[in-house]
Amino acid sequence: MKVEKSSLVAMLLEVGEENAAVLLARSDLPDEIDTDHDLDALLAFGLDRDEVSEVARLAVGAIESDDVNTRRRRGELEKTISRRWADLVEQWKS
């Protein structure tokens, strides 16, 4: 799976893998990481295969985080979008 290095670093931080995140951020790996090709390097940061797979899928949005703050932010965004649509429809009807 291909994933942006910055996204992977951010997701590692979010799931509490600070050491791996710092090591990845400072590594010579390219800006786009292929988790299959670069697996050995990722394992060297203290991650196991399952963690690499899960964090990569989280980073690309293939699965959702159980983080309460993420769900709260998504809910706030949905409300904002709903209000905006309601305002646009109201303007259109007037």
Protein backbone atom coordinates (compact mmCIF):
# COMPACT_ATOMS: atom_id res chain seq x y z
CA MET A 1 0.00 0.00 0.00
CA LYS A 2 1.31 3.45 -0.85
CA VAL A 3 0.94 6.17 1.76
CA GLU A 4 2.34 9.65 2.25
CA LYS A 5 5.15 9.72 4.79
CA SER A 6 3.66 12.74 6.56
CA SER A 7 0.28 11.02 6.87
CA LEU A 8 1.91 7.93 8.29
CA VAL A 9 3.88 10.01 10.80
CA ALA A 10 0.72 11.84 11.87
CA MET A 11 -1.21 8.60 12.28
CA LEU A 12 1.62 7.03 14.30
CA LEU A 13 1.48 10.01 16.64
CA GLU A 14 -2.29 9.72 16.92
CA VAL A 15 -2.13 6.05 17.90
CA GLY A 16 0.60 6.68 20.48
CA GLU A 17 3.64 5.42 18.57
CA GLU A 18 5.71 8.56 19.17
CA ASN A 19 9.11 6.87 18.90
CA ALA A 20 8.27 5.22 15.58
CA ALA A 21 6.81 8.52 14.32
CA VAL A 22 10.00 10.43 15.12
CA LEU A 23 12.20 7.75 13.59
CA LEU A 24 10.08 7.70 10.45
CA ALA A 25 10.03 11.49 10.16
CA ARG A 26 13.83 11.62 10.41
CA SER A 27 14.39 8.64 8.12
CA ASP A 28 15.64 8.72 4.55
CA LEU A 29 12.48 7.02 3.31
CA PRO A 30 10.79 8.82 0.40
CA ASP A 31 7.77 11.12 0.78
CA GLU A 32 5.58 8.35 -0.61
CA ILE A 33 6.12 5.08 1.22
CA ASP A 34 5.23 1.69 -0.20
CA THR A 35 4.48 -0.35 2.92
CA ASP A 36 5.32 -3.60 1.13
CA HIS A 37 8.62 -2.39 -0.33
CA ASP A 38 9.67 -0.42 2.78
CA LEU A 39 8.37 -2.93 5.32
CA ASP A 40 11.81 -3.84 6.70
CA ALA A 41 12.57 -0.20 7.45
CA LEU A 42 9.20 0.27 9.15
CA LEU A 43 9.73 -2.87 11.23
CA ALA A 44 13.12 -1.48 12.29
CA PHE A 45 11.27 1.45 13.92
CA GLY A 46 9.75 -0.97 16.43
CA LEU A 47 6.48 -1.68 14.66
CA ASP A 48 5.18 -5.13 13.79
CA ARG A 49 3.58 -6.14 10.49
CA ASP A 50 0.03 -5.80 11.79
CA GLU A 51 0.72 -2.32 13.18
CA VAL A 52 2.22 -1.19 9.88
CA SER A 53 -0.82 -2.45 8.00
CA GLU A 54 -3.34 -0.92 10.40
CA VAL A 55 -1.62 2.46 10.65
CA ALA A 56 -1.22 2.65 6.87
CA ARG A 57 -4.92 1.87 6.35
CA LEU A 58 -5.82 4.52 8.93
CA ALA A 59 -3.56 7.03 7.18
CA VAL A 60 -5.18 6.53 3.79
CA GLY A 61 -8.69 6.42 5.24
CA ALA A 62 -9.35 2.78 4.41
CA ILE A 63 -10.50 2.24 8.00
CA GLU A 64 -11.74 4.68 10.60
CA SER A 65 -10.10 5.59 13.86
CA ASP A 66 -11.89 4.90 17.12
CA ASP A 67 -10.60 8.22 18.40
CA VAL A 68 -13.42 10.16 20.08
CA ASN A 69 -11.99 13.48 18.93
CA THR A 70 -11.98 12.32 15.30
CA ARG A 71 -15.64 11.31 15.54
CA ARG A 72 -16.50 14.62 17.26
CA ARG A 73 -14.73 16.67 14.57
CA ARG A 74 -16.48 14.67 11.83
CA GLY A 75 -19.84 15.30 13.54
CA GLU A 76 -19.12 19.03 13.77
CA LEU A 77 -18.17 19.12 10.09
CA GLU A 78 -21.36 17.30 9.11
CA LYS A 79 -23.45 19.82 11.10
CA THR A 80 -21.63 22.73 9.47
CA ILE A 81 -22.20 21.30 6.01
CA SER A 82 -25.87 20.63 6.80
CA ARG A 83 -26.37 24.22 8.01
CA ARG A 84 -24.63 25.55 4.91
CA TRP A 85 -26.85 23.47 2.62
CA ALA A 86 -29.93 24.64 4.51
CA ASP A 87 -28.83 28.27 4.06
CA LEU A 88 -28.21 27.74 0.34
CA VAL A 89 -31.62 26.11 -0.15
CA GLU A 90 -33.29 28.93 1.79
CA GLN A 91 -31.56 31.52 -0.43
CA TRP A 92 -32.53 29.61 -3.55
CA LYS A 93 -36.19 29.50 -2.52
CA SER A 94 -36.30 33.25 -1.82
